[in-house]
Amino acid sequence: MENLLNMLADVGFRTTVIYLLLVAGMIVLGKRELSQLSIIDLVFILLISNSVQNSMVGENTSLAGGIISGGVLFLLNYILKLLKFRFPMLNKLIQGEPVMLIYEGKLQKNNLDKVKMTEDELMTAIREHGLHGFYEVELAVFETDGNVSVIAVDPNVPARVKKKKLRHTSKV
């Protein structure tokens, strides 16, 4: 009985180590990879899950080992979400902050480089919003979930009023 408990504790420990390693890897890899899955990304996720599975359970392929491993993953995920909620700095470290990519039709090249996105990828996001170019974009932001939010220039608002409006909202 003691041997079984030691084996299950070992599965729990291994699962914890692998979970933390994968979370750290995804932070380093970047959130853009998660929101815009390509075929290569999907294959990577499938292979990584298969390769670390043995590291989590070791030689224990029992139902109890699988339940312990799955339970530990759910518990760790819950704890991490709770810690992110309680500690904003941890949330900022894991989730990051929104990054402005276009402001008043002008590409913010340094920020584009910062999020490791090409101009072609940004143009794809702009076209998905029904726009044709940077000049039609008032604001484009790379969000913390890896998506790009785009606000179109409103042709009905004079430029002078638009700038005041933006200055006002940026202070909020």
N, C-alpha and C. Protein backbone atom coordinates (compact mmCIF):
# COMPACT_ATOMS: atom_id res chain seq x y z
N MET A 1 0.82 -1.20 0.00
CA MET A 1 0.00 0.00 0.00
C MET A 1 0.87 1.26 0.00
N GLU A 2 1.93 1.22 0.82
CA GLU A 2 2.83 2.37 0.89
C GLU A 2 3.52 2.60 -0.45
N ASN A 3 3.88 1.49 -1.12
CA ASN A 3 4.51 1.58 -2.43
C ASN A 3 3.56 2.25 -3.44
N LEU A 4 2.27 1.91 -3.39
CA LEU A 4 1.28 2.50 -4.29
C LEU A 4 1.16 4.00 -4.01
N LEU A 5 1.12 4.40 -2.75
CA LEU A 5 1.03 5.82 -2.41
C LEU A 5 2.26 6.58 -2.88
N ASN A 6 3.43 5.96 -2.73
CA ASN A 6 4.67 6.60 -3.21
C ASN A 6 4.64 6.77 -4.73
N MET A 7 4.13 5.76 -5.44
CA MET A 7 4.04 5.85 -6.90
C MET A 7 3.08 6.96 -7.31
N LEU A 8 1.96 7.06 -6.63
CA LEU A 8 0.97 8.09 -6.97
C LEU A 8 1.49 9.48 -6.61
N ALA A 9 2.22 9.60 -5.50
CA ALA A 9 2.83 10.88 -5.14
C ALA A 9 3.88 11.26 -6.18
N ASP A 10 4.61 10.27 -6.67
CA ASP A 10 5.59 10.51 -7.72
C ASP A 10 4.91 11.03 -8.99
N VAL A 11 3.75 10.45 -9.34
CA VAL A 11 2.99 10.92 -10.51
C VAL A 11 2.57 12.38 -10.30
N GLY A 12 2.09 12.70 -9.09
CA GLY A 12 1.69 14.07 -8.78
C GLY A 12 2.84 15.04 -8.89
N PHE A 13 4.01 14.65 -8.39
CA PHE A 13 5.19 15.51 -8.46
C PHE A 13 5.64 15.71 -9.90
N ARG A 14 5.71 14.61 -10.65
CA ARG A 14 6.13 14.69 -12.05
C ARG A 14 5.18 15.58 -12.85
N THR A 15 3.89 15.41 -12.62
CA THR A 15 2.89 16.20 -13.33
C THR A 15 3.06 17.69 -13.02
N THR A 16 3.31 18.01 -11.76
CA THR A 16 3.51 19.40 -11.35
C THR A 16 4.72 20.00 -12.07
N VAL A 17 5.81 19.28 -12.11
CA VAL A 17 7.02 19.78 -12.76
C VAL A 17 6.77 20.01 -14.25
N ILE A 18 6.14 19.06 -14.91
CA ILE A 18 5.88 19.19 -16.35
C ILE A 18 4.92 20.34 -16.61
N TYR A 19 3.88 20.48 -15.80
CA TYR A 19 2.92 21.58 -15.97
C TYR A 19 3.62 22.93 -15.88
N LEU A 20 4.42 23.11 -14.84
CA LEU A 20 5.13 24.39 -14.65
C LEU A 20 6.12 24.64 -15.80
N LEU A 21 6.78 23.59 -16.26
CA LEU A 21 7.70 23.73 -17.38
C LEU A 21 6.95 24.15 -18.65
N LEU A 22 5.81 23.56 -18.91
CA LEU A 22 5.04 23.90 -20.11
C LEU A 22 4.46 25.31 -20.02
N VAL A 23 4.00 25.72 -18.84
CA VAL A 23 3.51 27.10 -18.68
C VAL A 23 4.64 28.08 -18.95
N ALA A 24 5.81 27.82 -18.38
CA ALA A 24 6.96 28.70 -18.61
C ALA A 24 7.33 28.71 -20.09
N GLY A 25 7.29 27.56 -20.73
CA GLY A 25 7.60 27.49 -22.16
C GLY A 25 6.62 28.29 -23.00
N MET A 26 5.35 28.23 -22.66
CA MET A 26 4.34 28.99 -23.40
C MET A 26 4.49 30.50 -23.17
N ILE A 27 4.92 30.88 -21.98
CA ILE A 27 5.17 32.30 -21.72
C ILE A 27 6.32 32.78 -22.59
N VAL A 28 7.39 32.00 -22.65
CA VAL A 28 8.54 32.36 -23.46
C VAL A 28 8.18 32.33 -24.95
N LEU A 29 7.43 31.32 -25.36
CA LEU A 29 7.03 31.18 -26.76
C LEU A 29 6.18 32.35 -27.21
N GLY A 30 5.33 32.82 -26.33
CA GLY A 30 4.52 33.99 -26.66
C GLY A 30 3.07 33.67 -26.91
N LYS A 31 2.22 34.62 -26.55
CA LYS A 31 0.78 34.41 -26.66
C LYS A 31 0.30 34.41 -28.10
N ARG A 32 1.05 34.99 -28.99
CA ARG A 32 0.64 35.03 -30.39
C ARG A 32 0.53 33.61 -30.93
N GLU A 33 1.40 32.75 -30.49
CA GLU A 33 1.39 31.37 -30.97
C GLU A 33 0.10 30.65 -30.56
N LEU A 34 -0.48 31.04 -29.44
CA LEU A 34 -1.65 30.34 -28.95
C LEU A 34 -2.93 30.78 -29.65
N SER A 35 -3.02 32.03 -30.01
CA SER A 35 -4.26 32.52 -30.60
C SER A 35 -4.34 32.27 -32.09
N GLN A 36 -3.23 32.05 -32.73
CA GLN A 36 -3.22 31.89 -34.18
C GLN A 36 -2.58 30.56 -34.53
N LEU A 37 -3.27 29.49 -34.18
CA LEU A 37 -2.73 28.16 -34.41
C LEU A 37 -2.68 27.83 -35.90
N SER A 38 -1.52 27.41 -36.32
CA SER A 38 -1.36 26.93 -37.69
C SER A 38 -1.25 25.41 -37.62
N ILE A 39 -1.11 24.78 -38.74
CA ILE A 39 -0.92 23.33 -38.79
C ILE A 39 0.32 22.94 -38.00
N ILE A 40 1.38 23.73 -38.17
CA ILE A 40 2.64 23.45 -37.46
C ILE A 40 2.42 23.53 -35.95
N ASP A 41 1.66 24.55 -35.49
CA ASP A 41 1.40 24.71 -34.06
C ASP A 41 0.57 23.55 -33.52
N LEU A 42 -0.43 23.12 -34.29
CA LEU A 42 -1.26 22.00 -33.86
C LEU A 42 -0.42 20.72 -33.73
N VAL A 43 0.42 20.46 -34.72
CA VAL A 43 1.30 19.29 -34.66
C VAL A 43 2.22 19.40 -33.44
N PHE A 44 2.75 20.60 -33.20
CA PHE A 44 3.62 20.81 -32.04
C PHE A 44 2.89 20.47 -30.73
N ILE A 45 1.66 20.95 -30.60
CA ILE A 45 0.89 20.69 -29.37
C ILE A 45 0.62 19.20 -29.20
N LEU A 46 0.25 18.55 -30.29
CA LEU A 46 0.00 17.11 -30.21
C LEU A 46 1.26 16.35 -29.81
N LEU A 47 2.38 16.71 -30.42
CA LEU A 47 3.63 16.01 -30.12
C LEU A 47 4.13 16.32 -28.72
N ILE A 48 4.00 17.56 -28.29
CA ILE A 48 4.48 17.91 -26.95
C ILE A 48 3.65 17.19 -25.89
N SER A 49 2.34 17.10 -26.12
CA SER A 49 1.50 16.40 -25.14
C SER A 49 1.85 14.92 -25.09
N ASN A 50 2.14 14.34 -26.23
CA ASN A 50 2.51 12.93 -26.25
C ASN A 50 3.88 12.71 -25.62
N SER A 51 4.81 13.63 -25.86
CA SER A 51 6.16 13.43 -25.34
C SER A 51 6.24 13.63 -23.83
N VAL A 52 5.43 14.52 -23.27
CA VAL A 52 5.52 14.75 -21.82
C VAL A 52 4.62 13.81 -21.02
N GLN A 53 3.72 13.13 -21.68
CA GLN A 53 2.81 12.23 -20.97
C GLN A 53 3.58 11.19 -20.18
N ASN A 54 4.58 10.58 -20.81
CA ASN A 54 5.37 9.57 -20.11
C ASN A 54 6.16 10.18 -18.96
N SER A 55 6.59 11.43 -19.12
CA SER A 55 7.33 12.09 -18.05
C SER A 55 6.44 12.34 -16.84
N MET A 56 5.15 12.52 -17.08
CA MET A 56 4.23 12.79 -15.97
C MET A 56 3.89 11.52 -15.20
N VAL A 57 3.60 10.45 -15.88
CA VAL A 57 3.14 9.24 -15.19
C VAL A 57 4.22 8.20 -15.02
N GLY A 58 5.36 8.36 -15.70
CA GLY A 58 6.43 7.38 -15.58
C GLY A 58 5.95 6.03 -16.06
N GLU A 59 6.25 5.01 -15.31
CA GLU A 59 5.84 3.65 -15.67
C GLU A 59 4.44 3.33 -15.18
N ASN A 60 3.84 4.26 -14.44
CA ASN A 60 2.51 4.03 -13.88
C ASN A 60 1.45 4.36 -14.93
N THR A 61 0.97 3.34 -15.61
CA THR A 61 -0.07 3.53 -16.62
C THR A 61 -1.43 3.10 -16.08
N SER A 62 -1.56 3.04 -14.77
CA SER A 62 -2.80 2.59 -14.16
C SER A 62 -3.86 3.68 -14.23
N LEU A 63 -5.09 3.28 -14.00
CA LEU A 63 -6.19 4.24 -13.95
C LEU A 63 -5.95 5.25 -12.83
N ALA A 64 -5.49 4.78 -11.69
CA ALA A 64 -5.22 5.68 -10.56
C ALA A 64 -4.15 6.71 -10.93
N GLY A 65 -3.10 6.27 -11.65
CA GLY A 65 -2.06 7.20 -12.08
C GLY A 65 -2.61 8.27 -13.01
N GLY A 66 -3.48 7.87 -13.94
CA GLY A 66 -4.10 8.83 -14.85
C GLY A 66 -5.01 9.80 -14.12
N ILE A 67 -5.76 9.29 -13.15
CA ILE A 67 -6.66 10.15 -12.36
C ILE A 67 -5.85 11.14 -11.55
N ILE A 68 -4.79 10.68 -10.93
CA ILE A 68 -3.93 11.58 -10.14
C ILE A 68 -3.33 12.65 -11.05
N SER A 69 -2.79 12.24 -12.19
CA SER A 69 -2.17 13.19 -13.11
C SER A 69 -3.19 14.21 -13.60
N GLY A 70 -4.36 13.77 -14.03
CA GLY A 70 -5.40 14.69 -14.48
C GLY A 70 -5.88 15.60 -13.37
N GLY A 71 -6.06 15.03 -12.18
CA GLY A 71 -6.51 15.83 -11.03
C GLY A 71 -5.49 16.90 -10.66
N VAL A 72 -4.21 16.54 -10.70
CA VAL A 72 -3.15 17.51 -10.38
C VAL A 72 -3.15 18.63 -11.43
N LEU A 73 -3.35 18.29 -12.70
CA LEU A 73 -3.40 19.32 -13.75
C LEU A 73 -4.55 20.29 -13.51
N PHE A 74 -5.73 19.75 -13.19
CA PHE A 74 -6.87 20.63 -12.90
C PHE A 74 -6.60 21.51 -11.69
N LEU A 75 -6.03 20.94 -10.64
CA LEU A 75 -5.73 21.68 -9.42
C LEU A 75 -4.68 22.78 -9.69
N LEU A 76 -3.62 22.44 -10.40
CA LEU A 76 -2.58 23.43 -10.71
C LEU A 76 -3.14 24.56 -11.55
N ASN A 77 -3.98 24.22 -12.52
CA ASN A 77 -4.58 25.24 -13.37
C ASN A 77 -5.47 26.17 -12.55
N TYR A 78 -6.24 25.61 -11.64
CA TYR A 78 -7.10 26.41 -10.76
C TYR A 78 -6.26 27.33 -9.88
N ILE A 79 -5.20 26.78 -9.29
CA ILE A 79 -4.34 27.57 -8.41
C ILE A 79 -3.66 28.70 -9.18
N LEU A 80 -3.18 28.40 -10.38
CA LEU A 80 -2.53 29.44 -11.18
C LEU A 80 -3.51 30.56 -11.52
N LYS A 81 -4.73 30.21 -11.90
CA LYS A 81 -5.73 31.24 -12.20
C LYS A 81 -6.06 32.06 -10.95
N LEU A 82 -6.15 31.42 -9.81
CA LEU A 82 -6.41 32.12 -8.55
C LEU A 82 -5.27 33.07 -8.21
N LEU A 83 -4.03 32.63 -8.39
CA LEU A 83 -2.87 33.47 -8.12
C LEU A 83 -2.81 34.66 -9.07
N LYS A 84 -3.15 34.43 -10.35
CA LYS A 84 -3.18 35.54 -11.31
C LYS A 84 -4.21 36.58 -10.91
N PHE A 85 -5.33 36.13 -10.38
CA PHE A 85 -6.39 37.04 -9.95
C PHE A 85 -5.95 37.84 -8.72
N ARG A 86 -5.31 37.15 -7.78
CA ARG A 86 -4.90 37.79 -6.52
C ARG A 86 -3.69 38.71 -6.67
N PHE A 87 -2.79 38.37 -7.58
CA PHE A 87 -1.54 39.11 -7.72
C PHE A 87 -1.42 39.66 -9.14
N PRO A 88 -1.82 40.92 -9.33
CA PRO A 88 -1.79 41.52 -10.67
C PRO A 88 -0.43 41.45 -11.36
N MET A 89 0.65 41.53 -10.61
CA MET A 89 1.98 41.46 -11.22
C MET A 89 2.22 40.08 -11.85
N LEU A 90 1.73 39.03 -11.19
CA LEU A 90 1.86 37.69 -11.74
C LEU A 90 1.02 37.58 -13.01
N ASN A 91 -0.17 38.16 -12.98
CA ASN A 91 -1.02 38.15 -14.17
C ASN A 91 -0.33 38.88 -15.32
N LYS A 92 0.30 40.01 -15.02
CA LYS A 92 1.02 40.78 -16.04
C LYS A 92 2.19 39.96 -16.60
N LEU A 93 2.87 39.23 -15.74
CA LEU A 93 3.99 38.40 -16.18
C LEU A 93 3.52 37.29 -17.11
N ILE A 94 2.42 36.65 -16.75
CA ILE A 94 1.92 35.53 -17.53
C ILE A 94 1.15 35.99 -18.76
N GLN A 95 0.22 36.93 -18.59
CA GLN A 95 -0.64 37.37 -19.68
C GLN A 95 -0.01 38.46 -20.54
N GLY A 96 0.83 39.29 -19.94
CA GLY A 96 1.40 40.41 -20.66
C GLY A 96 0.44 41.59 -20.68
N GLU A 97 0.74 42.58 -21.50
CA GLU A 97 -0.09 43.78 -21.62
C GLU A 97 -0.42 44.00 -23.09
N PRO A 98 -1.53 44.70 -23.35
CA PRO A 98 -1.86 45.03 -24.74
C PRO A 98 -0.76 45.91 -25.34
N VAL A 99 -0.53 45.75 -26.65
CA VAL A 99 0.52 46.51 -27.34
C VAL A 99 -0.10 47.20 -28.56
N MET A 100 0.08 48.52 -28.65
CA MET A 100 -0.46 49.28 -29.77
C MET A 100 0.38 49.01 -31.02
N LEU A 101 -0.29 48.61 -32.11
CA LEU A 101 0.39 48.31 -33.36
C LEU A 101 0.22 49.41 -34.40
N ILE A 102 -0.95 50.04 -34.41
CA ILE A 102 -1.22 51.14 -35.34
C ILE A 102 -1.91 52.24 -34.55
N TYR A 103 -1.48 53.47 -34.76
CA TYR A 103 -2.12 54.61 -34.13
C TYR A 103 -2.32 55.68 -35.19
N GLU A 104 -3.56 56.08 -35.39
CA GLU A 104 -3.93 57.08 -36.39
C GLU A 104 -3.35 56.75 -37.76
N GLY A 105 -3.47 55.50 -38.15
CA GLY A 105 -3.03 55.08 -39.48
C GLY A 105 -1.55 54.85 -39.62
N LYS A 106 -0.79 55.03 -38.56
CA LYS A 106 0.67 54.89 -38.62
C LYS A 106 1.10 53.62 -37.89
N LEU A 107 1.85 52.81 -38.60
CA LEU A 107 2.37 51.57 -38.06
C LEU A 107 3.39 51.86 -36.97
N GLN A 108 3.27 51.18 -35.86
CA GLN A 108 4.24 51.29 -34.76
C GLN A 108 5.21 50.11 -34.90
N LYS A 109 6.20 50.28 -35.77
CA LYS A 109 7.10 49.18 -36.17
C LYS A 109 7.80 48.54 -34.98
N ASN A 110 8.26 49.35 -34.03
CA ASN A 110 8.95 48.78 -32.85
C ASN A 110 8.04 47.84 -32.08
N ASN A 111 6.76 48.23 -31.95
CA ASN A 111 5.81 47.38 -31.23
C ASN A 111 5.49 46.12 -32.03
N LEU A 112 5.44 46.25 -33.34
CA LEU A 112 5.20 45.08 -34.19
C LEU A 112 6.35 44.08 -34.01
N ASP A 113 7.57 44.59 -33.97
CA ASP A 113 8.73 43.74 -33.74
C ASP A 113 8.68 43.11 -32.35
N LYS A 114 8.21 43.89 -31.38
CA LYS A 114 8.14 43.42 -29.99
C LYS A 114 7.24 42.18 -29.87
N VAL A 115 6.14 42.16 -30.61
CA VAL A 115 5.22 41.02 -30.54
C VAL A 115 5.53 39.97 -31.60
N LYS A 116 6.62 40.21 -32.35
CA LYS A 116 7.09 39.26 -33.37
C LYS A 116 6.01 38.96 -34.40
N MET A 117 5.44 40.03 -34.94
CA MET A 117 4.41 39.91 -35.96
C MET A 117 4.90 40.62 -37.22
N THR A 118 4.63 40.03 -38.36
CA THR A 118 5.02 40.66 -39.62
C THR A 118 3.92 41.63 -40.06
N GLU A 119 4.29 42.53 -40.96
CA GLU A 119 3.30 43.45 -41.51
C GLU A 119 2.22 42.69 -42.27
N ASP A 120 2.59 41.60 -42.94
CA ASP A 120 1.61 40.79 -43.66
C ASP A 120 0.59 40.17 -42.70
N GLU A 121 1.06 39.69 -41.56
CA GLU A 121 0.13 39.12 -40.57
C GLU A 121 -0.81 40.20 -40.02
N LEU A 122 -0.28 41.39 -39.80
CA LEU A 122 -1.11 42.49 -39.34
C LEU A 122 -2.13 42.87 -40.40
N MET A 123 -1.70 42.91 -41.66
CA MET A 123 -2.63 43.22 -42.75
C MET A 123 -3.75 42.18 -42.83
N THR A 124 -3.43 40.93 -42.56
CA THR A 124 -4.47 39.89 -42.53
C THR A 124 -5.51 40.22 -41.48
N ALA A 125 -5.07 40.62 -40.29
CA ALA A 125 -6.00 40.99 -39.22
C ALA A 125 -6.84 42.20 -39.62
N ILE A 126 -6.23 43.15 -40.30
CA ILE A 126 -6.95 44.35 -40.73
C ILE A 126 -8.01 43.98 -41.77
N ARG A 127 -7.64 43.13 -42.71
CA ARG A 127 -8.61 42.69 -43.72
C ARG A 127 -9.75 41.90 -43.09
N GLU A 128 -9.46 41.13 -42.05
CA GLU A 128 -10.52 40.39 -41.35
C GLU A 128 -11.54 41.33 -40.73
N HIS A 129 -11.15 42.57 -40.49
CA HIS A 129 -12.06 43.59 -39.96
C HIS A 129 -12.71 44.41 -41.08
N GLY A 130 -12.51 43.99 -42.33
CA GLY A 130 -13.15 44.64 -43.46
C GLY A 130 -12.45 45.90 -43.94
N LEU A 131 -11.20 46.09 -43.56
CA LEU A 131 -10.46 47.28 -43.95
C LEU A 131 -9.39 46.90 -44.97
N HIS A 132 -8.84 47.90 -45.65
CA HIS A 132 -7.92 47.63 -46.74
C HIS A 132 -6.47 48.05 -46.48
N GLY A 133 -6.23 48.87 -45.47
CA GLY A 133 -4.86 49.31 -45.23
C GLY A 133 -4.72 50.03 -43.91
N PHE A 134 -3.48 50.30 -43.55
CA PHE A 134 -3.19 50.98 -42.29
C PHE A 134 -3.90 52.32 -42.21
N TYR A 135 -4.00 53.01 -43.34
CA TYR A 135 -4.61 54.34 -43.38
C TYR A 135 -6.07 54.34 -42.92
N GLU A 136 -6.73 53.19 -42.96
CA GLU A 136 -8.12 53.09 -42.53
C GLU A 136 -8.26 52.73 -41.05
N VAL A 137 -7.13 52.58 -40.37
CA VAL A 137 -7.13 52.12 -38.98
C VAL A 137 -6.82 53.27 -38.04
N GLU A 138 -7.72 53.54 -37.15
CA GLU A 138 -7.49 54.54 -36.10
C GLU A 138 -6.57 53.94 -35.04
N LEU A 139 -6.88 52.70 -34.66
CA LEU A 139 -6.12 52.03 -33.61
C LEU A 139 -6.16 50.53 -33.83
N ALA A 140 -5.00 49.89 -33.74
CA ALA A 140 -4.91 48.43 -33.76
C ALA A 140 -4.08 48.03 -32.56
N VAL A 141 -4.60 47.08 -31.79
CA VAL A 141 -3.94 46.68 -30.55
C VAL A 141 -3.79 45.16 -30.52
N PHE A 142 -2.59 44.73 -30.19
CA PHE A 142 -2.32 43.32 -29.95
C PHE A 142 -2.75 43.03 -28.52
N GLU A 143 -3.83 42.28 -28.35
CA GLU A 143 -4.42 42.05 -27.04
C GLU A 143 -3.67 40.96 -26.28
N THR A 144 -3.94 40.87 -24.98
CA THR A 144 -3.24 39.90 -24.14
C THR A 144 -3.59 38.46 -24.49
N ASP A 145 -4.72 38.26 -25.19
CA ASP A 145 -5.08 36.90 -25.59
C ASP A 145 -4.47 36.52 -26.94
N GLY A 146 -3.69 37.44 -27.55
CA GLY A 146 -3.03 37.15 -28.81
C GLY A 146 -3.80 37.59 -30.04
N ASN A 147 -5.00 38.12 -29.85
CA ASN A 147 -5.78 38.61 -30.98
C ASN A 147 -5.46 40.08 -31.24
N VAL A 148 -5.79 40.54 -32.45
CA VAL A 148 -5.60 41.93 -32.81
C VAL A 148 -6.96 42.61 -32.87
N SER A 149 -7.14 43.65 -32.06
CA SER A 149 -8.36 44.47 -32.10
C SER A 149 -8.09 45.64 -33.02
N VAL A 150 -9.07 45.95 -33.87
CA VAL A 150 -8.91 47.02 -34.84
C VAL A 150 -10.10 47.96 -34.74
N ILE A 151 -9.80 49.26 -34.64
CA ILE A 151 -10.83 50.30 -34.66
C ILE A 151 -10.59 51.13 -35.91
N ALA A 152 -11.62 51.18 -36.76
CA ALA A 152 -11.50 51.89 -38.03
C ALA A 152 -11.62 53.39 -37.83
N VAL A 153 -11.00 54.13 -38.74
CA VAL A 153 -11.16 55.58 -38.78
C VAL A 153 -12.63 55.85 -39.11
N ASP A 154 -13.24 56.75 -38.38
CA ASP A 154 -14.63 57.12 -38.65
C ASP A 154 -14.62 58.32 -39.59
N PRO A 155 -15.03 58.12 -40.84
CA PRO A 155 -14.95 59.23 -41.81
C PRO A 155 -15.92 60.37 -41.48
N ASN A 156 -16.88 60.16 -40.59
CA ASN A 156 -17.86 61.19 -40.25
C ASN A 156 -17.37 62.14 -39.15
N VAL A 157 -16.24 61.82 -38.53
CA VAL A 157 -15.73 62.65 -37.44
C VAL A 157 -14.53 63.43 -37.95
N PRO A 158 -14.57 64.77 -37.86
CA PRO A 158 -13.42 65.57 -38.30
C PRO A 158 -12.17 65.20 -37.50
N ALA A 159 -11.01 65.30 -38.14
CA ALA A 159 -9.74 64.89 -37.52
C ALA A 159 -9.50 65.62 -36.20
N ARG A 160 -9.85 66.92 -36.11
CA ARG A 160 -9.61 67.70 -34.90
C ARG A 160 -10.38 67.10 -33.73
N VAL A 161 -11.63 66.77 -33.93
CA VAL A 161 -12.46 66.19 -32.87
C VAL A 161 -11.96 64.81 -32.51
N LYS A 162 -11.58 64.05 -33.51
CA LYS A 162 -11.11 62.69 -33.29
C LYS A 162 -9.89 62.69 -32.38
N LYS A 163 -8.96 63.61 -32.61
CA LYS A 163 -7.75 63.65 -31.79
C LYS A 163 -8.08 64.01 -30.35
N LYS A 164 -8.98 64.93 -30.14
CA LYS A 164 -9.38 65.26 -28.77
C LYS A 164 -9.98 64.04 -28.10
N LYS A 165 -10.82 63.37 -28.81
CA LYS A 165 -11.48 62.18 -28.28
C LYS A 165 -10.45 61.12 -27.87
N LEU A 166 -9.45 60.89 -28.73
CA LEU A 166 -8.43 59.91 -28.41
C LEU A 166 -7.60 60.34 -27.22
N ARG A 167 -7.23 61.60 -27.15
CA ARG A 167 -6.45 62.06 -25.99
C ARG A 167 -7.24 61.84 -24.72
N HIS A 168 -8.53 62.13 -24.78
CA HIS A 168 -9.36 61.96 -23.60
C HIS A 168 -9.44 60.51 -23.17
N THR A 169 -9.64 59.59 -24.12
CA THR A 169 -9.77 58.18 -23.76
C THR A 169 -8.44 57.59 -23.33
N SER A 170 -7.32 58.13 -23.81
CA SER A 170 -6.04 57.56 -23.41
C SER A 170 -5.68 57.87 -21.97
N LYS A 171 -6.33 58.88 -21.37
CA LYS A 171 -6.05 59.21 -19.97
C LYS A 171 -6.83 58.32 -19.02
N VAL A 172 -7.83 57.66 -19.52
CA VAL A 172 -8.69 56.83 -18.67
C VAL A 172 -7.99 55.58 -18.28
